[in-house]
Structures are given as structure tokens and as C-alpha cells.
């Protein structure tokens, strides 16, 4: 991770399988500033690496919401 990127883990609700996780990853990786999204259906989480100068957590959560799921941040250090 470079100095310009931030990593945030979000809890995701509403997934029904691996295809849901892939859909979330695809949506997030289309956002300008998102470098990587790794969604786990089994853990019900998504780890997002992004440039905080280009996109914020609220926009990431809203994008997940538009895809049909709900998300909330896990505070850093709580994993």
C-alpha cells in the first residue's frame, strides 16, 4: 500500500453467494480512486484499498448500496 492509499474494511449485508461478492468488487473497482476491492461472502466483509483524496468511505458505501447491499465500516484495529 502506498502512502496515498487507505485500506478500510466494511461489513456487508445482503449477499447470497460468491456472485454477490464478485458484483460488489466489480462495482467498487469502477470507482475512480479505488485500487482494489476484495469481498468475502464467507466473512460478510469487503476490504477496499483506495486513494482518500479521490474517493471517500461514504461514496464507497453508497456504491455498495446502489448494488443492492448495505455496508458499514469496521473501525481500524477491530478485526
PDB file of N, CA and C in Angstrom:
ATOM      1  N   UNK A   1       0.850  -1.175   0.000  1.00  0.00           N
ATOM      2  CA  UNK A   1       0.000   0.000   0.000  1.00  0.00           C
ATOM      3  C   UNK A   1       0.891   1.233   0.000  1.00  0.00           C
ATOM      4  N   UNK A   2       0.667   2.178  -0.894  1.00  0.00           N
ATOM      5  CA  UNK A   2       1.461   3.402  -0.926  1.00  0.00           C
ATOM      6  C   UNK A   2       0.981   4.367   0.141  1.00  0.00           C
ATOM      7  N   UNK A   3       1.730   5.428   0.318  1.00  0.00           N
ATOM      8  CA  UNK A   3       1.348   6.432   1.309  1.00  0.00           C
ATOM      9  C   UNK A   3       0.032   7.108   0.962  1.00  0.00           C
ATOM     10  N   UNK A   4      -0.318   7.122  -0.298  1.00  0.00           N
ATOM     11  CA  UNK A   4      -1.543   7.797  -0.724  1.00  0.00           C
ATOM     12  C   UNK A   4      -2.785   6.930  -0.583  1.00  0.00           C
ATOM     13  N   UNK A   5      -2.620   5.661  -0.316  1.00  0.00           N
ATOM     14  CA  UNK A   5      -3.789   4.805  -0.243  1.00  0.00           C
ATOM     15  C   UNK A   5      -4.155   4.494   1.201  1.00  0.00           C
ATOM     16  N   UNK A   6      -5.429   4.215   1.363  1.00  0.00           N
ATOM     17  CA  UNK A   6      -6.007   3.863   2.651  1.00  0.00           C
ATOM     18  C   UNK A   6      -6.682   2.516   2.476  1.00  0.00           C
ATOM     19  N   UNK A   7      -6.691   1.716   3.526  1.00  0.00           N
ATOM     20  CA  UNK A   7      -7.445   0.465   3.490  1.00  0.00           C
ATOM     21  C   UNK A   7      -8.534   0.534   4.531  1.00  0.00           C
ATOM     22  N   UNK A   8      -9.734   0.145   4.144  1.00  0.00           N
ATOM     23  CA  UNK A   8     -10.877   0.127   5.047  1.00  0.00           C
ATOM     24  C   UNK A   8     -11.611  -1.190   4.869  1.00  0.00           C
ATOM     25  N   UNK A   9     -12.006  -1.793   5.975  1.00  0.00           N
ATOM     26  CA  UNK A   9     -12.840  -2.991   5.931  1.00  0.00           C
ATOM     27  C   UNK A   9     -14.260  -2.592   6.274  1.00  0.00           C
ATOM     28  N   UNK A  10     -15.192  -3.080   5.477  1.00  0.00           N
ATOM     29  CA  UNK A  10     -16.610  -2.817   5.688  1.00  0.00           C
ATOM     30  C   UNK A  10     -17.333  -4.142   5.903  1.00  0.00           C
ATOM     31  N   UNK A  11     -18.329  -4.132   6.766  1.00  0.00           N
ATOM     32  CA  UNK A  11     -19.233  -5.268   6.919  1.00  0.00           C
ATOM     33  C   UNK A  11     -20.323  -5.096   5.870  1.00  0.00           C
ATOM     34  N   UNK A  12     -20.627  -6.161   5.141  1.00  0.00           N
ATOM     35  CA  UNK A  12     -21.627  -6.100   4.075  1.00  0.00           C
ATOM     36  C   UNK A  12     -22.767  -7.064   4.399  1.00  0.00           C
ATOM     37  N   UNK A  13     -23.992  -6.583   4.281  1.00  0.00           N
ATOM     38  CA  UNK A  13     -25.180  -7.414   4.495  1.00  0.00           C
ATOM     39  C   UNK A  13     -25.945  -7.527   3.185  1.00  0.00           C
ATOM     40  N   UNK A  14     -26.620  -8.664   3.023  1.00  0.00           N
ATOM     41  CA  UNK A  14     -27.484  -8.864   1.867  1.00  0.00           C
ATOM     42  C   UNK A  14     -26.901  -9.753   0.788  1.00  0.00           C
ATOM     43  N   UNK A  15     -25.667 -10.239   0.982  1.00  0.00           N
ATOM     44  CA  UNK A  15     -25.088 -11.127  -0.019  1.00  0.00           C
ATOM     45  C   UNK A  15     -25.692 -12.527   0.121  1.00  0.00           C
ATOM     46  N   UNK A  16     -25.842 -13.203  -1.021  1.00  0.00           N
ATOM     47  CA  UNK A  16     -26.420 -14.540  -1.029  1.00  0.00           C
ATOM     48  C   UNK A  16     -25.454 -15.590  -1.566  1.00  0.00           C
ATOM     49  N   UNK A  17     -24.265 -15.179  -1.976  1.00  0.00           N
ATOM     50  CA  UNK A  17     -23.291 -16.131  -2.505  1.00  0.00           C
ATOM     51  C   UNK A  17     -22.094 -15.426  -3.101  1.00  0.00           C
ATOM     52  N   UNK A  18     -21.224 -16.209  -3.686  1.00  0.00           N
ATOM     53  CA  UNK A  18     -19.997 -15.676  -4.265  1.00  0.00           C
ATOM     54  C   UNK A  18     -20.225 -14.697  -5.404  1.00  0.00           C
ATOM     55  N   UNK A  19     -21.300 -14.882  -6.145  1.00  0.00           N
ATOM     56  CA  UNK A  19     -21.591 -13.962  -7.251  1.00  0.00           C
ATOM     57  C   UNK A  19     -21.873 -12.558  -6.728  1.00  0.00           C
ATOM     58  N   UNK A  20     -22.490 -12.462  -5.562  1.00  0.00           N
ATOM     59  CA  UNK A  20     -22.738 -11.153  -4.946  1.00  0.00           C
ATOM     60  C   UNK A  20     -21.416 -10.476  -4.605  1.00  0.00           C
ATOM     61  N   UNK A  21     -20.494 -11.245  -4.064  1.00  0.00           N
ATOM     62  CA  UNK A  21     -19.178 -10.698  -3.716  1.00  0.00           C
ATOM     63  C   UNK A  21     -18.461 -10.195  -4.962  1.00  0.00           C
ATOM     64  N   UNK A  22     -18.535 -10.954  -6.046  1.00  0.00           N
ATOM     65  CA  UNK A  22     -17.904 -10.525  -7.293  1.00  0.00           C
ATOM     66  C   UNK A  22     -18.549  -9.260  -7.833  1.00  0.00           C
ATOM     67  N   UNK A  23     -19.869  -9.151  -7.711  1.00  0.00           N
ATOM     68  CA  UNK A  23     -20.570  -7.960  -8.191  1.00  0.00           C
ATOM     69  C   UNK A  23     -20.132  -6.721  -7.415  1.00  0.00           C
ATOM     70  N   UNK A  24     -19.973  -6.858  -6.108  1.00  0.00           N
ATOM     71  CA  UNK A  24     -19.521  -5.729  -5.287  1.00  0.00           C
ATOM     72  C   UNK A  24     -18.116  -5.319  -5.711  1.00  0.00           C
ATOM     73  N   UNK A  25     -17.217  -6.288  -5.872  1.00  0.00           N
ATOM     74  CA  UNK A  25     -15.853  -5.976  -6.299  1.00  0.00           C
ATOM     75  C   UNK A  25     -15.851  -5.223  -7.620  1.00  0.00           C
ATOM     76  N   UNK A  26     -16.628  -5.686  -8.568  1.00  0.00           N
ATOM     77  CA  UNK A  26     -16.664  -5.046  -9.880  1.00  0.00           C
ATOM     78  C   UNK A  26     -17.177  -3.619  -9.785  1.00  0.00           C
ATOM     79  N   UNK A  27     -18.232  -3.396  -9.020  1.00  0.00           N
ATOM     80  CA  UNK A  27     -18.774  -2.044  -8.862  1.00  0.00           C
ATOM     81  C   UNK A  27     -17.751  -1.112  -8.218  1.00  0.00           C
ATOM     82  N   UNK A  28     -17.124  -1.580  -7.151  1.00  0.00           N
ATOM     83  CA  UNK A  28     -16.165  -0.729  -6.439  1.00  0.00           C
ATOM     84  C   UNK A  28     -14.937  -0.429  -7.278  1.00  0.00           C
ATOM     85  N   UNK A  29     -14.455  -1.402  -8.009  1.00  0.00           N
ATOM     86  CA  UNK A  29     -13.247  -1.184  -8.800  1.00  0.00           C
ATOM     87  C   UNK A  29     -13.478  -0.261  -9.990  1.00  0.00           C
ATOM     88  N   UNK A  30     -14.736   0.054 -10.292  1.00  0.00           N
ATOM     89  CA  UNK A  30     -15.057   1.047 -11.317  1.00  0.00           C
ATOM     90  C   UNK A  30     -14.973   2.477 -10.764  1.00  0.00           C
ATOM     91  N   UNK A  31     -14.985   2.617  -9.452  1.00  0.00           N
ATOM     92  CA  UNK A  31     -14.928   3.951  -8.846  1.00  0.00           C
ATOM     93  C   UNK A  31     -13.541   4.554  -9.012  1.00  0.00           C
ATOM     94  N   UNK A  32     -13.459   5.793  -9.491  1.00  0.00           N
ATOM     95  CA  UNK A  32     -12.161   6.462  -9.550  1.00  0.00           C
ATOM     96  C   UNK A  32     -11.568   6.548  -8.139  1.00  0.00           C
ATOM     97  N   UNK A  33     -10.334   6.125  -8.005  1.00  0.00           N
ATOM     98  CA  UNK A  33      -9.654   6.178  -6.721  1.00  0.00           C
ATOM     99  C   UNK A  33      -9.609   4.854  -5.992  1.00  0.00           C
ATOM    100  N   UNK A  34     -10.449   3.899  -6.387  1.00  0.00           N
ATOM    101  CA  UNK A  34     -10.409   2.576  -5.750  1.00  0.00           C
ATOM    102  C   UNK A  34      -9.371   1.731  -6.485  1.00  0.00           C
ATOM    103  N   UNK A  35      -8.363   1.280  -5.750  1.00  0.00           N
ATOM    104  CA  UNK A  35      -7.299   0.467  -6.330  1.00  0.00           C
ATOM    105  C   UNK A  35      -7.642  -1.012  -6.303  1.00  0.00           C
ATOM    106  N   UNK A  36      -8.328  -1.440  -5.223  1.00  0.00           N
ATOM    107  CA  UNK A  36      -8.619  -2.864  -5.073  1.00  0.00           C
ATOM    108  C   UNK A  36      -9.800  -3.051  -4.133  1.00  0.00           C
ATOM    109  N   UNK A  37     -10.627  -4.038  -4.445  1.00  0.00           N
ATOM    110  CA  UNK A  37     -11.727  -4.433  -3.561  1.00  0.00           C
ATOM    111  C   UNK A  37     -11.713  -5.946  -3.472  1.00  0.00           C
ATOM    112  N   UNK A  38     -11.729  -6.461  -2.245  1.00  0.00           N
ATOM    113  CA  UNK A  38     -11.741  -7.905  -2.017  1.00  0.00           C
ATOM    114  C   UNK A  38     -12.914  -8.221  -1.090  1.00  0.00           C
ATOM    115  N   UNK A  39     -13.984  -8.723  -1.672  1.00  0.00           N
ATOM    116  CA  UNK A  39     -15.191  -9.033  -0.911  1.00  0.00           C
ATOM    117  C   UNK A  39     -15.201 -10.511  -0.570  1.00  0.00           C
ATOM    118  N   UNK A  40     -15.531 -10.814   0.680  1.00  0.00           N
ATOM    119  CA  UNK A  40     -15.636 -12.192   1.141  1.00  0.00           C
ATOM    120  C   UNK A  40     -17.073 -12.474   1.549  1.00  0.00           C
ATOM    121  N   UNK A  41     -17.721 -13.355   0.806  1.00  0.00           N
ATOM    122  CA  UNK A  41     -19.071 -13.773   1.179  1.00  0.00           C
ATOM    123  C   UNK A  41     -19.039 -14.479   2.527  1.00  0.00           C
ATOM    124  N   UNK A  42     -18.059 -15.344   2.741  1.00  0.00           N
ATOM    125  CA  UNK A  42     -17.968 -16.130   3.973  1.00  0.00           C
ATOM    126  C   UNK A  42     -17.811 -15.245   5.213  1.00  0.00           C
ATOM    127  N   UNK A  43     -17.044 -14.179   5.098  1.00  0.00           N
ATOM    128  CA  UNK A  43     -16.834 -13.269   6.240  1.00  0.00           C
ATOM    129  C   UNK A  43     -17.831 -12.120   6.267  1.00  0.00           C
ATOM    130  N   UNK A  44     -18.560 -11.933   5.164  1.00  0.00           N
ATOM    131  CA  UNK A  44     -19.500 -10.812   5.006  1.00  0.00           C
ATOM    132  C   UNK A  44     -18.783  -9.470   5.155  1.00  0.00           C
ATOM    133  N   UNK A  45     -17.603  -9.383   4.494  1.00  0.00           N
ATOM    134  CA  UNK A  45     -16.823  -8.156   4.544  1.00  0.00           C
ATOM    135  C   UNK A  45     -16.278  -7.820   3.163  1.00  0.00           C
ATOM    136  N   UNK A  46     -15.867  -6.572   3.019  1.00  0.00           N
ATOM    137  CA  UNK A  46     -15.108  -6.145   1.852  1.00  0.00           C
ATOM    138  C   UNK A  46     -13.939  -5.312   2.359  1.00  0.00           C
ATOM    139  N   UNK A  47     -12.743  -5.625   1.865  1.00  0.00           N
ATOM    140  CA  UNK A  47     -11.544  -4.831   2.128  1.00  0.00           C
ATOM    141  C   UNK A  47     -11.320  -3.971   0.900  1.00  0.00           C
ATOM    142  N   UNK A  48     -11.273  -2.662   1.100  1.00  0.00           N
ATOM    143  CA  UNK A  48     -11.131  -1.730  -0.008  1.00  0.00           C
ATOM    144  C   UNK A  48      -9.848  -0.931   0.184  1.00  0.00           C
ATOM    145  N   UNK A  49      -9.035  -0.879  -0.863  1.00  0.00           N
ATOM    146  CA  UNK A  49      -7.834  -0.058  -0.888  1.00  0.00           C
ATOM    147  C   UNK A  49      -8.137   1.095  -1.841  1.00  0.00           C
ATOM    148  N   UNK A  50      -7.999   2.320  -1.344  1.00  0.00           N
ATOM    149  CA  UNK A  50      -8.407   3.472  -2.151  1.00  0.00           C
ATOM    150  C   UNK A  50      -7.579   4.700  -1.838  1.00  0.00           C
ATOM    151  N   UNK A  51      -7.615   5.649  -2.760  1.00  0.00           N
ATOM    152  CA  UNK A  51      -6.963   6.949  -2.607  1.00  0.00           C
ATOM    153  C   UNK A  51      -7.984   7.885  -1.967  1.00  0.00           C
ATOM    154  N   UNK A  52      -7.777   8.224  -0.705  1.00  0.00           N
ATOM    155  CA  UNK A  52      -8.739   9.048   0.033  1.00  0.00           C
ATOM    156  C   UNK A  52      -8.855  10.462  -0.529  1.00  0.00           C
ATOM    157  N   UNK A  53      -7.916  10.881  -1.348  1.00  0.00           N
ATOM    158  CA  UNK A  53      -8.015  12.192  -1.984  1.00  0.00           C
ATOM    159  C   UNK A  53      -8.990  12.158  -3.165  1.00  0.00           C
ATOM    160  N   UNK A  54      -9.321  10.962  -3.650  1.00  0.00           N
ATOM    161  CA  UNK A  54     -10.194  10.825  -4.816  1.00  0.00           C
ATOM    162  C   UNK A  54     -11.566  10.258  -4.500  1.00  0.00           C
ATOM    163  N   UNK A  55     -11.673   9.458  -3.435  1.00  0.00           N
ATOM    164  CA  UNK A  55     -12.949   8.838  -3.081  1.00  0.00           C
ATOM    165  C   UNK A  55     -12.979   8.652  -1.573  1.00  0.00           C
ATOM    166  N   UNK A  56     -14.163   8.764  -0.993  1.00  0.00           N
ATOM    167  CA  UNK A  56     -14.266   8.599   0.459  1.00  0.00           C
ATOM    168  C   UNK A  56     -15.127   7.380   0.803  1.00  0.00           C
ATOM    169  N   UNK A  57     -15.101   7.026   2.076  1.00  0.00           N
ATOM    170  CA  UNK A  57     -15.822   5.834   2.535  1.00  0.00           C
ATOM    171  C   UNK A  57     -17.323   5.976   2.289  1.00  0.00           C
ATOM    172  N   UNK A  58     -17.875   7.170   2.463  1.00  0.00           N
ATOM    173  CA  UNK A  58     -19.308   7.356   2.221  1.00  0.00           C
ATOM    174  C   UNK A  58     -19.682   7.037   0.776  1.00  0.00           C
ATOM    175  N   UNK A  59     -18.833   7.411  -0.172  1.00  0.00           N
ATOM    176  CA  UNK A  59     -19.092   7.108  -1.582  1.00  0.00           C
ATOM    177  C   UNK A  59     -18.992   5.608  -1.832  1.00  0.00           C
ATOM    178  N   UNK A  60     -18.036   4.962  -1.192  1.00  0.00           N
ATOM    179  CA  UNK A  60     -17.891   3.512  -1.321  1.00  0.00           C
ATOM    180  C   UNK A  60     -19.135   2.809  -0.770  1.00  0.00           C
ATOM    181  N   UNK A  61     -19.598   3.244   0.394  1.00  0.00           N
ATOM    182  CA  UNK A  61     -20.807   2.654   0.993  1.00  0.00           C
ATOM    183  C   UNK A  61     -22.025   2.896   0.106  1.00  0.00           C
ATOM    184  N   UNK A  62     -22.137   4.094  -0.456  1.00  0.00           N
ATOM    185  CA  UNK A  62     -23.265   4.404  -1.341  1.00  0.00           C
ATOM    186  C   UNK A  62     -23.233   3.530  -2.598  1.00  0.00           C
ATOM    187  N   UNK A  63     -22.054   3.268  -3.121  1.00  0.00           N
ATOM    188  CA  UNK A  63     -21.920   2.413  -4.304  1.00  0.00           C
ATOM    189  C   UNK A  63     -22.368   0.992  -3.982  1.00  0.00           C
ATOM    190  N   UNK A  64     -21.980   0.492  -2.825  1.00  0.00           N
ATOM    191  CA  UNK A  64     -22.427  -0.837  -2.396  1.00  0.00           C
ATOM    192  C   UNK A  64     -23.948  -0.842  -2.249  1.00  0.00           C
ATOM    193  N   UNK A  65     -24.500   0.245  -1.726  1.00  0.00           N
ATOM    194  CA  UNK A  65     -25.954   0.361  -1.577  1.00  0.00           C
ATOM    195  C   UNK A  65     -26.676   0.342  -2.909  1.00  0.00           C
ATOM    196  N   UNK A  66     -26.139   1.042  -3.904  1.00  0.00           N
ATOM    197  CA  UNK A  66     -26.756   1.051  -5.240  1.00  0.00           C
ATOM    198  C   UNK A  66     -26.712  -0.334  -5.887  1.00  0.00           C
ATOM    199  N   UNK A  67     -25.741  -1.148  -5.464  1.00  0.00           N
ATOM    200  CA  UNK A  67     -25.646  -2.516  -5.988  1.00  0.00           C
ATOM    201  C   UNK A  67     -26.623  -3.455  -5.279  1.00  0.00           C
ATOM    202  N   UNK A  68     -27.310  -2.962  -4.235  1.00  0.00           N
ATOM    203  CA  UNK A  68     -28.334  -3.759  -3.573  1.00  0.00           C
ATOM    204  C   UNK A  68     -27.948  -4.329  -2.218  1.00  0.00           C
ATOM    205  N   UNK A  69     -26.853  -3.841  -1.640  1.00  0.00           N
ATOM    206  CA  UNK A  69     -26.364  -4.362  -0.370  1.00  0.00           C
ATOM    207  C   UNK A  69     -26.192  -3.207   0.616  1.00  0.00           C
ATOM    208  N   UNK A  70     -26.054  -3.533   1.880  1.00  0.00           N
ATOM    209  CA  UNK A  70     -25.773  -2.489   2.866  1.00  0.00           C
ATOM    210  C   UNK A  70     -24.377  -2.725   3.420  1.00  0.00           C
ATOM    211  N   UNK A  71     -23.734  -1.638   3.817  1.00  0.00           N
ATOM    212  CA  UNK A  71     -22.369  -1.738   4.340  1.00  0.00           C
ATOM    213  C   UNK A  71     -22.169  -0.730   5.448  1.00  0.00           C
ATOM    214  N   UNK A  72     -21.267  -1.083   6.357  1.00  0.00           N
ATOM    215  CA  UNK A  72     -20.861  -0.155   7.404  1.00  0.00           C
ATOM    216  C   UNK A  72     -19.396  -0.416   7.707  1.00  0.00           C
ATOM    217  N   UNK A  73     -18.672   0.612   8.114  1.00  0.00           N
ATOM    218  CA  UNK A  73     -17.241   0.433   8.391  1.00  0.00           C
ATOM    219  C   UNK A  73     -16.990  -0.371   9.654  1.00  0.00           C
ATOM    220  N   UNK A  74     -15.894  -1.102   9.641  1.00  0.00           N
ATOM    221  CA  UNK A  74     -15.355  -1.713  10.859  1.00  0.00           C
ATOM    222  C   UNK A  74     -14.230  -0.776  11.285  1.00  0.00           C
ATOM    223  N   UNK A  75     -14.266  -0.237  12.491  1.00  0.00           N
ATOM    224  CA  UNK A  75     -13.198   0.666  12.907  1.00  0.00           C
ATOM    225  C   UNK A  75     -11.835  -0.009  12.806  1.00  0.00           C
ATOM    226  N   UNK A  76     -10.830   0.753  12.399  1.00  0.00           N
ATOM    227  CA  UNK A  76      -9.479   0.240  12.271  1.00  0.00           C
ATOM    228  C   UNK A  76      -9.038  -0.370  13.597  1.00  0.00           C
ATOM    229  N   UNK A  77      -8.446  -1.541  13.541  1.00  0.00           N
ATOM    230  CA  UNK A  77      -7.976  -2.222  14.733  1.00  0.00           C
ATOM    231  C   UNK A  77      -9.000  -3.135  15.383  1.00  0.00           C
ATOM    232  N   UNK A  78     -10.217  -3.205  14.812  1.00  0.00           N
ATOM    233  CA  UNK A  78     -11.292  -4.017  15.410  1.00  0.00           C
ATOM    234  C   UNK A  78     -11.391  -5.401  14.807  1.00  0.00           C
ATOM    235  N   UNK A  79     -10.535  -5.741  13.860  1.00  0.00           N
ATOM    236  CA  UNK A  79     -10.652  -7.032  13.166  1.00  0.00           C
ATOM    237  C   UNK A  79     -10.076  -8.107  13.944  1.00  0.00           C
TER     238      UNK A  79
END
